[in-house]
PDB file of N, CA and C in Angstrom:
ATOM      1  N   MET A   1     208.638 199.500 192.267  1.00  0.00           N
ATOM      2  CA  MET A   1     207.252 199.093 192.181  1.00  0.00           C
ATOM      3  C   MET A   1     207.186 197.583 192.425  1.00  0.00           C
ATOM      4  N   ASN A   2     206.212 197.141 193.219  1.00  0.00           N
ATOM      5  CA  ASN A   2     206.115 195.707 193.498  1.00  0.00           C
ATOM      6  C   ASN A   2     205.247 194.999 192.447  1.00  0.00           C
ATOM      7  N   ASP A   3     205.225 193.676 192.499  1.00  0.00           N
ATOM      8  CA  ASP A   3     204.492 192.891 191.500  1.00  0.00           C
ATOM      9  C   ASP A   3     202.994 193.186 191.495  1.00  0.00           C
ATOM     10  N   ASP A   4     202.417 193.450 192.662  1.00  0.00           N
ATOM     11  CA  ASP A   4     200.984 193.771 192.708  1.00  0.00           C
ATOM     12  C   ASP A   4     200.695 195.067 191.948  1.00  0.00           C
ATOM     13  N   GLN A   5     201.547 196.052 192.124  1.00  0.00           N
ATOM     14  CA  GLN A   5     201.366 197.323 191.414  1.00  0.00           C
ATOM     15  C   GLN A   5     201.577 197.148 189.910  1.00  0.00           C
ATOM     16  N   LEU A   6     202.573 196.376 189.533  1.00  0.00           N
ATOM     17  CA  LEU A   6     202.813 196.109 188.117  1.00  0.00           C
ATOM     18  C   LEU A   6     201.643 195.355 187.495  1.00  0.00           C
ATOM     19  N   THR A   7     201.089 194.400 188.243  1.00  0.00           N
ATOM     20  CA  THR A   7     199.938 193.635 187.753  1.00  0.00           C
ATOM     21  C   THR A   7     198.757 194.548 187.511  1.00  0.00           C
ATOM     22  N   GLU A   8     198.498 195.460 188.429  1.00  0.00           N
ATOM     23  CA  GLU A   8     197.391 196.404 188.247  1.00  0.00           C
ATOM     24  C   GLU A   8     197.599 197.273 187.009  1.00  0.00           C
ATOM     25  N   LEU A   9     198.796 197.754 186.828  1.00  0.00           N
ATOM     26  CA  LEU A   9     199.083 198.594 185.666  1.00  0.00           C
ATOM     27  C   LEU A   9     198.933 197.823 184.353  1.00  0.00           C
ATOM     28  N   ALA A  10     199.437 196.606 184.339  1.00  0.00           N
ATOM     29  CA  ALA A  10     199.443 195.824 183.103  1.00  0.00           C
ATOM     30  C   ALA A  10     198.096 195.194 182.778  1.00  0.00           C
ATOM     31  N   SER A  11     197.201 195.078 183.750  1.00  0.00           N
ATOM     32  CA  SER A  11     195.935 194.373 183.502  1.00  0.00           C
ATOM     33  C   SER A  11     194.823 195.271 182.977  1.00  0.00           C
ATOM     34  N   GLY A  12     195.030 196.559 182.974  1.00  0.00           N
ATOM     35  CA  GLY A  12     194.005 197.464 182.464  1.00  0.00           C
ATOM     36  C   GLY A  12     193.822 197.343 180.959  1.00  0.00           C
ATOM     37  N   ALA A  13     192.695 197.772 180.466  1.00  0.00           N
ATOM     38  CA  ALA A  13     192.408 197.680 179.035  1.00  0.00           C
ATOM     39  C   ALA A  13     193.128 198.740 178.220  1.00  0.00           C
ATOM     40  N   PHE A  14     193.502 199.848 178.864  1.00  0.00           N
ATOM     41  CA  PHE A  14     194.153 200.936 178.124  1.00  0.00           C
ATOM     42  C   PHE A  14     195.544 200.525 177.669  1.00  0.00           C
ATOM     43  N   ARG A  15     195.841 200.800 176.407  1.00  0.00           N
ATOM     44  CA  ARG A  15     197.182 200.610 175.862  1.00  0.00           C
ATOM     45  C   ARG A  15     197.544 201.845 175.053  1.00  0.00           C
ATOM     46  N   GLU A  16     198.754 202.313 175.257  1.00  0.00           N
ATOM     47  CA  GLU A  16     199.229 203.442 174.458  1.00  0.00           C
ATOM     48  C   GLU A  16     199.420 202.978 173.021  1.00  0.00           C
ATOM     49  N   ARG A  17     199.402 203.958 172.119  1.00  0.00           N
ATOM     50  CA  ARG A  17     199.628 203.668 170.709  1.00  0.00           C
ATOM     51  C   ARG A  17     200.861 204.416 170.229  1.00  0.00           C
ATOM     52  N   ASP A  18     201.549 203.812 169.301  1.00  0.00           N
ATOM     53  CA  ASP A  18     202.665 204.473 168.641  1.00  0.00           C
ATOM     54  C   ASP A  18     202.095 205.636 167.841  1.00  0.00           C
ATOM     55  N   ARG A  19     202.615 206.825 168.049  1.00  0.00           N
ATOM     56  CA  ARG A  19     202.047 208.024 167.402  1.00  0.00           C
ATOM     57  C   ARG A  19     202.207 208.002 165.888  1.00  0.00           C
ATOM     58  N   ARG A  20     203.261 207.377 165.404  1.00  0.00           N
ATOM     59  CA  ARG A  20     203.476 207.339 163.953  1.00  0.00           C
ATOM     60  C   ARG A  20     202.637 206.276 163.260  1.00  0.00           C
ATOM     61  N   THR A  21     202.585 205.071 163.849  1.00  0.00           N
ATOM     62  CA  THR A  21     201.951 203.940 163.160  1.00  0.00           C
ATOM     63  C   THR A  21     200.556 203.622 163.671  1.00  0.00           C
ATOM     64  N   GLY A  22     200.221 204.070 164.887  1.00  0.00           N
ATOM     65  CA  GLY A  22     198.939 203.718 165.484  1.00  0.00           C
ATOM     66  C   GLY A  22     198.952 202.336 166.124  1.00  0.00           C
ATOM     67  N   ARG A  23     200.084 201.656 166.041  1.00  0.00           N
ATOM     68  CA  ARG A  23     200.218 200.301 166.600  1.00  0.00           C
ATOM     69  C   ARG A  23     200.061 200.340 168.120  1.00  0.00           C
ATOM     70  N   ILE A  24     199.332 199.373 168.656  1.00  0.00           N
ATOM     71  CA  ILE A  24     199.151 199.259 170.100  1.00  0.00           C
ATOM     72  C   ILE A  24     200.456 198.782 170.718  1.00  0.00           C
ATOM     73  N   LEU A  25     200.865 199.448 171.789  1.00  0.00           N
ATOM     74  CA  LEU A  25     202.111 199.113 172.474  1.00  0.00           C
ATOM     75  C   LEU A  25     201.827 198.290 173.724  1.00  0.00           C
ATOM     76  N   PRO A  26     202.679 197.347 174.029  1.00  0.00           N
ATOM     77  CA  PRO A  26     202.488 196.577 175.265  1.00  0.00           C
ATOM     78  C   PRO A  26     202.692 197.470 176.482  1.00  0.00           C
ATOM     79  N   SER A  27     202.071 197.102 177.561  1.00  0.00           N
ATOM     80  CA  SER A  27     202.239 197.846 178.808  1.00  0.00           C
ATOM     81  C   SER A  27     203.691 197.749 179.266  1.00  0.00           C
ATOM     82  N   PRO A  28     204.301 198.887 179.615  1.00  0.00           N
ATOM     83  CA  PRO A  28     205.673 198.828 180.137  1.00  0.00           C
ATOM     84  C   PRO A  28     205.773 197.946 181.386  1.00  0.00           C
ATOM     85  N   ALA A  29     204.695 197.873 182.161  1.00  0.00           N
ATOM     86  CA  ALA A  29     204.706 197.047 183.369  1.00  0.00           C
ATOM     87  C   ALA A  29     204.900 195.569 183.028  1.00  0.00           C
ATOM     88  N   TRP A  30     204.418 195.150 181.866  1.00  0.00           N
ATOM     89  CA  TRP A  30     204.565 193.752 181.436  1.00  0.00           C
ATOM     90  C   TRP A  30     206.043 193.352 181.412  1.00  0.00           C
ATOM     91  N   HIS A  31     206.871 194.242 180.907  1.00  0.00           N
ATOM     92  CA  HIS A  31     208.296 193.945 180.769  1.00  0.00           C
ATOM     93  C   HIS A  31     209.016 193.886 182.111  1.00  0.00           C
ATOM     94  N   ASP A  32     208.428 194.469 183.128  1.00  0.00           N
ATOM     95  CA  ASP A  32     209.055 194.471 184.446  1.00  0.00           C
ATOM     96  C   ASP A  32     208.680 193.253 185.289  1.00  0.00           C
ATOM     97  N   LEU A  33     207.762 192.437 184.788  1.00  0.00           N
ATOM     98  CA  LEU A  33     207.353 191.233 185.510  1.00  0.00           C
ATOM     99  C   LEU A  33     208.204 190.042 185.068  1.00  0.00           C
ATOM    100  N   ASP A  34     208.512 189.161 186.017  1.00  0.00           N
ATOM    101  CA  ASP A  34     209.203 187.930 185.651  1.00  0.00           C
ATOM    102  C   ASP A  34     208.158 186.902 185.196  1.00  0.00           C
ATOM    103  N   ALA A  35     208.579 185.697 184.886  1.00  0.00           N
ATOM    104  CA  ALA A  35     207.662 184.665 184.373  1.00  0.00           C
ATOM    105  C   ALA A  35     206.525 184.382 185.353  1.00  0.00           C
ATOM    106  N   ASP A  36     206.830 184.281 186.632  1.00  0.00           N
ATOM    107  CA  ASP A  36     205.783 184.042 187.634  1.00  0.00           C
ATOM    108  C   ASP A  36     204.824 185.224 187.714  1.00  0.00           C
ATOM    109  N   GLY A  37     205.369 186.427 187.627  1.00  0.00           N
ATOM    110  CA  GLY A  37     204.532 187.628 187.653  1.00  0.00           C
ATOM    111  C   GLY A  37     203.610 187.698 186.448  1.00  0.00           C
ATOM    112  N   ARG A  38     204.110 187.287 185.281  1.00  0.00           N
ATOM    113  CA  ARG A  38     203.281 187.292 184.070  1.00  0.00           C
ATOM    114  C   ARG A  38     202.172 186.246 184.159  1.00  0.00           C
ATOM    115  N   GLN A  39     202.466 185.105 184.761  1.00  0.00           N
ATOM    116  CA  GLN A  39     201.424 184.089 184.959  1.00  0.00           C
ATOM    117  C   GLN A  39     200.361 184.612 185.918  1.00  0.00           C
ATOM    118  N   ALA A  40     200.803 185.258 186.999  1.00  0.00           N
ATOM    119  CA  ALA A  40     199.857 185.847 187.952  1.00  0.00           C
ATOM    120  C   ALA A  40     199.028 186.933 187.277  1.00  0.00           C
ATOM    121  N   LEU A  41     199.659 187.728 186.414  1.00  0.00           N
ATOM    122  CA  LEU A  41     198.934 188.754 185.666  1.00  0.00           C
ATOM    123  C   LEU A  41     197.856 188.130 184.797  1.00  0.00           C
ATOM    124  N   TYR A  42     198.192 187.075 184.090  1.00  0.00           N
ATOM    125  CA  TYR A  42     197.210 186.387 183.252  1.00  0.00           C
ATOM    126  C   TYR A  42     196.010 185.934 184.087  1.00  0.00           C
ATOM    127  N   GLU A  43     196.283 185.280 185.198  1.00  0.00           N
ATOM    128  CA  GLU A  43     195.202 184.780 186.054  1.00  0.00           C
ATOM    129  C   GLU A  43     194.359 185.937 186.594  1.00  0.00           C
ATOM    130  N   HIS A  44     195.006 187.017 186.998  1.00  0.00           N
ATOM    131  CA  HIS A  44     194.301 188.199 187.493  1.00  0.00           C
ATOM    132  C   HIS A  44     193.403 188.782 186.396  1.00  0.00           C
ATOM    133  N   THR A  45     193.925 188.854 185.185  1.00  0.00           N
ATOM    134  CA  THR A  45     193.183 189.434 184.067  1.00  0.00           C
ATOM    135  C   THR A  45     191.962 188.598 183.713  1.00  0.00           C
ATOM    136  N   VAL A  46     192.097 187.285 183.720  1.00  0.00           N
ATOM    137  CA  VAL A  46     190.949 186.416 183.434  1.00  0.00           C
ATOM    138  C   VAL A  46     189.833 186.658 184.446  1.00  0.00           C
ATOM    139  N   VAL A  47     190.183 186.730 185.719  1.00  0.00           N
ATOM    140  CA  VAL A  47     189.186 186.971 186.762  1.00  0.00           C
ATOM    141  C   VAL A  47     188.580 188.371 186.607  1.00  0.00           C
ATOM    142  N   SER A  48     189.420 189.364 186.390  1.00  0.00           N
ATOM    143  CA  SER A  48     188.932 190.743 186.251  1.00  0.00           C
ATOM    144  C   SER A  48     187.962 190.894 185.086  1.00  0.00           C
ATOM    145  N   ARG A  49     188.328 190.355 183.929  1.00  0.00           N
ATOM    146  CA  ARG A  49     187.466 190.488 182.750  1.00  0.00           C
ATOM    147  C   ARG A  49     186.147 189.744 182.947  1.00  0.00           C
ATOM    148  N   THR A  50     186.192 188.621 183.628  1.00  0.00           N
ATOM    149  CA  THR A  50     184.964 187.865 183.916  1.00  0.00           C
ATOM    150  C   THR A  50     184.047 188.672 184.827  1.00  0.00           C
ATOM    151  N   LEU A  51     184.610 189.288 185.855  1.00  0.00           N
ATOM    152  CA  LEU A  51     183.809 190.119 186.769  1.00  0.00           C
ATOM    153  C   LEU A  51     183.256 191.348 186.050  1.00  0.00           C
ATOM    154  N   GLU A  52     184.084 192.001 185.237  1.00  0.00           N
ATOM    155  CA  GLU A  52     183.615 193.171 184.479  1.00  0.00           C
ATOM    156  C   GLU A  52     182.440 192.804 183.594  1.00  0.00           C
ATOM    157  N   ALA A  53     182.560 191.698 182.884  1.00  0.00           N
ATOM    158  CA  ALA A  53     181.487 191.260 181.984  1.00  0.00           C
ATOM    159  C   ALA A  53     180.222 190.922 182.767  1.00  0.00           C
ATOM    160  N   ALA A  54     180.378 190.330 183.943  1.00  0.00           N
ATOM    161  CA  ALA A  54     179.217 189.978 184.765  1.00  0.00           C
ATOM    162  C   ALA A  54     178.484 191.223 185.259  1.00  0.00           C
ATOM    163  N   LEU A  55     179.223 192.309 185.486  1.00  0.00           N
ATOM    164  CA  LEU A  55     178.620 193.540 185.983  1.00  0.00           C
ATOM    165  C   LEU A  55     178.074 194.442 184.873  1.00  0.00           C
ATOM    166  N   ASP A  56     178.490 194.195 183.651  1.00  0.00           N
ATOM    167  CA  ASP A  56     178.063 195.034 182.526  1.00  0.00           C
ATOM    168  C   ASP A  56     176.707 194.562 182.016  1.00  0.00           C
ATOM    169  N   PRO A  57     175.766 195.480 181.763  1.00  0.00           N
ATOM    170  CA  PRO A  57     174.445 195.085 181.281  1.00  0.00           C
ATOM    171  C   PRO A  57     174.480 194.312 179.952  1.00  0.00           C
ATOM    172  N   ASP A  58     175.508 194.600 179.138  1.00  0.00           N
ATOM    173  CA  ASP A  58     175.629 193.908 177.852  1.00  0.00           C
ATOM    174  C   ASP A  58     176.614 192.743 177.905  1.00  0.00           C
ATOM    175  N   GLY A  59     177.146 192.449 179.089  1.00  0.00           N
ATOM    176  CA  GLY A  59     178.074 191.335 179.245  1.00  0.00           C
ATOM    177  C   GLY A  59     179.443 191.599 178.653  1.00  0.00           C
ATOM    178  N   ARG A  60     179.849 192.866 178.600  1.00  0.00           N
ATOM    179  CA  ARG A  60     181.127 193.227 177.976  1.00  0.00           C
ATOM    180  C   ARG A  60     182.172 193.603 179.023  1.00  0.00           C
ATOM    181  N   SER A  61     183.373 193.164 178.778  1.00  0.00           N
ATOM    182  CA  SER A  61     184.491 193.541 179.640  1.00  0.00           C
ATOM    183  C   SER A  61     185.036 194.885 179.177  1.00  0.00           C
ATOM    184  N   SER A  62     185.966 195.436 179.946  1.00  0.00           N
ATOM    185  CA  SER A  62     186.580 196.705 179.555  1.00  0.00           C
ATOM    186  C   SER A  62     187.355 196.555 178.246  1.00  0.00           C
ATOM    187  N   THR A  63     187.896 195.396 178.025  1.00  0.00           N
ATOM    188  CA  THR A  63     188.620 195.156 176.776  1.00  0.00           C
ATOM    189  C   THR A  63     187.666 195.201 175.593  1.00  0.00           C
ATOM    190  N   VAL A  64     186.526 194.547 175.715  1.00  0.00           N
ATOM    191  CA  VAL A  64     185.533 194.565 174.638  1.00  0.00           C
ATOM    192  C   VAL A  64     185.046 195.991 174.388  1.00  0.00           C
ATOM    193  N   ARG A  65     184.771 196.723 175.456  1.00  0.00           N
ATOM    194  CA  ARG A  65     184.318 198.107 175.286  1.00  0.00           C
ATOM    195  C   ARG A  65     185.379 198.966 174.602  1.00  0.00           C
ATOM    196  N   ALA A  66     186.648 198.770 174.964  1.00  0.00           N
ATOM    197  CA  ALA A  66     187.737 199.543 174.348  1.00  0.00           C
ATOM    198  C   ALA A  66     187.866 199.214 172.859  1.00  0.00           C
ATOM    199  N   VAL A  67     187.767 197.963 172.509  1.00  0.00           N
ATOM    200  CA  VAL A  67     187.863 197.564 171.105  1.00  0.00           C
ATOM    201  C   VAL A  67     186.686 198.112 170.314  1.00  0.00           C
ATOM    202  N   LEU A  68     185.479 197.997 170.852  1.00  0.00           N
ATOM    203  CA  LEU A  68     184.308 198.510 170.163  1.00  0.00           C
ATOM    204  C   LEU A  68     184.365 200.030 169.988  1.00  0.00           C
ATOM    205  N   ALA A  69     184.854 200.723 170.996  1.00  0.00           N
ATOM    206  CA  ALA A  69     184.993 202.179 170.896  1.00  0.00           C
ATOM    207  C   ALA A  69     185.971 202.547 169.777  1.00  0.00           C
ATOM    208  N   ARG A  70     187.028 201.784 169.661  1.00  0.00           N
ATOM    209  CA  ARG A  70     188.016 202.040 168.610  1.00  0.00           C
ATOM    210  C   ARG A  70     187.411 201.766 167.224  1.00  0.00           C
ATOM    211  N   ILE A  71     186.659 200.701 167.106  1.00  0.00           N
ATOM    212  CA  ILE A  71     186.044 200.346 165.817  1.00  0.00           C
ATOM    213  C   ILE A  71     185.015 201.401 165.410  1.00  0.00           C
ATOM    214  N   ARG A  72     184.239 201.838 166.384  1.00  0.00           N
ATOM    215  CA  ARG A  72     183.179 202.811 166.109  1.00  0.00           C
ATOM    216  C   ARG A  72     183.744 204.204 165.852  1.00  0.00           C
ATOM    217  N   GLY A  73     184.971 204.413 166.273  1.00  0.00           N
ATOM    218  CA  GLY A  73     185.709 205.575 165.947  1.00  0.00           C
ATOM    219  C   GLY A  73     185.501 206.855 166.560  1.00  0.00           C
TER     220      GLY A  73
END
């Protein structure tokens, strides 16, 4: 898998949870990126979340929606 594919996988709001503890697990793609790839991922994520929020009627990114959905249960 190339860095662009890893970035796409790691930048999404979805995170798996540990079935026993419920703890959020980091994206496996994150671990496959080197330092430059992780910096590029960060920059990509900032832009993506900004665009998502701009397109959402309530100004929420996918991350905000995922967190709110979890809180609301």
